[in-house]
Amino acid sequence: MDTLRATAMLLGLTVSALCSGLTVRIINRREKWAKRAAVAVAIFFILYAPSFGPFAWMQRNRVLPVSVEAPLSWLYLPMFLLIDAPEPIHSLFRRYLRYWV
């Protein structure tokens, strides 16, 4: 397994552990901060995939400084893995990127 896929797998495990912990805090302990954190995580994931197009455009047109581009590239690492995804996902992803780039 290459480093890119291992990193994406570790990121997925981390996110699922975060969501599981928040679920336990919301259901069992009824903590308000956990509800707010769950809403923030949900908003992040709703906006994550659509924001990759503008990031690709900014990266291609050299709008971002290098100090910002490197951390954002790590943030969008799972989206780069969609380039090798199975055909229905791959074609949808390429069509979306073609709109922006």
Protein backbone atom coordinates (compact mmCIF):
# COMPACT_ATOMS: atom_id res chain seq x y z
CA MET A 1 0.00 0.00 0.00
CA ASP A 2 1.46 3.33 -0.98
CA THR A 3 1.79 6.28 1.38
CA LEU A 4 -1.05 8.28 -0.15
CA ARG A 5 -3.62 5.54 0.37
CA ALA A 6 -2.33 4.78 3.88
CA THR A 7 -2.66 8.45 4.81
CA ALA A 8 -6.20 8.60 3.44
CA MET A 9 -7.12 5.44 5.35
CA LEU A 10 -5.72 6.88 8.57
CA LEU A 11 -7.65 10.09 7.98
CA GLY A 12 -10.85 8.10 7.47
CA LEU A 13 -10.31 6.18 10.71
CA THR A 14 -9.68 9.42 12.58
CA VAL A 15 -12.88 11.01 11.26
CA SER A 16 -14.95 7.95 12.14
CA ALA A 17 -13.51 7.92 15.66
CA LEU A 18 -14.35 11.62 16.03
CA CYS A 19 -17.93 11.06 14.85
CA SER A 20 -18.37 8.05 17.14
CA GLY A 21 -17.11 10.02 20.13
CA LEU A 22 -19.42 12.92 19.36
CA THR A 23 -22.37 10.55 18.99
CA VAL A 24 -21.71 9.06 22.42
CA ARG A 25 -21.42 12.53 23.97
CA ILE A 26 -24.67 13.69 22.33
CA ILE A 27 -26.78 10.61 23.09
CA ASN A 28 -25.52 9.53 26.51
CA ARG A 29 -24.44 12.77 28.12
CA ARG A 30 -26.52 15.33 26.16
CA GLU A 31 -23.66 17.80 26.06
CA LYS A 32 -24.30 21.02 24.14
CA TRP A 33 -20.72 21.47 22.98
CA ALA A 34 -20.87 18.05 21.31
CA LYS A 35 -24.00 19.07 19.39
CA ARG A 36 -22.30 22.23 18.17
CA ALA A 37 -19.19 20.27 17.21
CA ALA A 38 -21.31 17.73 15.30
CA VAL A 39 -22.99 20.54 13.36
CA ALA A 40 -19.57 22.01 12.53
CA VAL A 41 -18.31 18.61 11.32
CA ALA A 42 -21.45 18.13 9.20
CA ILE A 43 -21.07 21.58 7.62
CA PHE A 44 -17.41 20.85 6.90
CA PHE A 45 -18.24 17.63 5.06
CA ILE A 46 -21.10 19.22 3.13
CA LEU A 47 -18.78 21.99 1.89
CA TYR A 48 -15.62 19.86 1.52
CA ALA A 49 -16.21 18.21 -1.87
CA PRO A 50 -17.63 21.27 -3.68
CA SER A 51 -14.74 23.43 -2.45
CA PHE A 52 -12.20 21.23 -4.27
CA GLY A 53 -13.10 22.81 -7.63
CA PRO A 54 -12.21 26.36 -6.59
CA PHE A 55 -9.04 25.03 -4.94
CA ALA A 56 -8.02 23.32 -8.19
CA TRP A 57 -8.68 26.53 -10.11
CA MET A 58 -6.60 28.60 -7.67
CA GLN A 59 -3.82 26.03 -7.77
CA ARG A 60 -3.76 25.93 -11.57
CA ASN A 61 -3.78 29.72 -11.93
CA ARG A 62 -1.11 30.17 -9.23
CA VAL A 63 -3.35 32.37 -7.08
CA LEU A 64 -2.32 30.74 -3.80
CA PRO A 65 1.05 31.39 -2.20
CA VAL A 66 3.21 28.32 -1.64
CA SER A 67 2.85 28.66 2.15
CA VAL A 68 -0.94 28.18 1.80
CA GLU A 69 -0.96 25.72 -1.09
CA ALA A 70 1.05 22.99 0.67
CA PRO A 71 -1.25 22.62 3.72
CA LEU A 72 -4.36 22.79 1.51
CA SER A 73 -2.95 20.05 -0.69
CA TRP A 74 -2.80 17.82 2.38
CA LEU A 75 -6.35 18.81 3.30
CA TYR A 76 -7.60 17.78 -0.14
CA LEU A 77 -5.55 14.56 -0.24
CA PRO A 78 -8.65 12.28 -0.27
CA MET A 79 -10.02 14.20 -3.25
CA PHE A 80 -6.82 13.52 -5.20
CA LEU A 81 -7.46 9.82 -4.65
CA LEU A 82 -10.69 10.12 -6.65
CA ILE A 83 -8.59 10.33 -9.79
CA ASP A 84 -8.11 6.53 -9.52
CA ALA A 85 -11.68 5.82 -8.39
CA PRO A 86 -14.00 3.37 -10.19
CA GLU A 87 -15.68 4.61 -13.35
CA PRO A 88 -18.94 6.24 -12.21
CA ILE A 89 -17.18 8.25 -9.49
CA HIS A 90 -14.18 8.98 -11.70
CA SER A 91 -16.27 10.40 -14.56
CA LEU A 92 -18.39 12.53 -12.21
CA PHE A 93 -15.27 13.88 -10.51
CA ARG A 94 -13.59 14.71 -13.84
CA ARG A 95 -16.74 16.41 -15.14
CA TYR A 96 -16.88 18.59 -12.02
CA LEU A 97 -13.19 19.49 -12.28
CA ARG A 98 -13.56 20.29 -15.99
CA TYR A 99 -16.10 22.95 -14.98
CA TRP A 100 -13.51 24.68 -12.80
CA VAL A 101 -10.21 24.05 -14.55
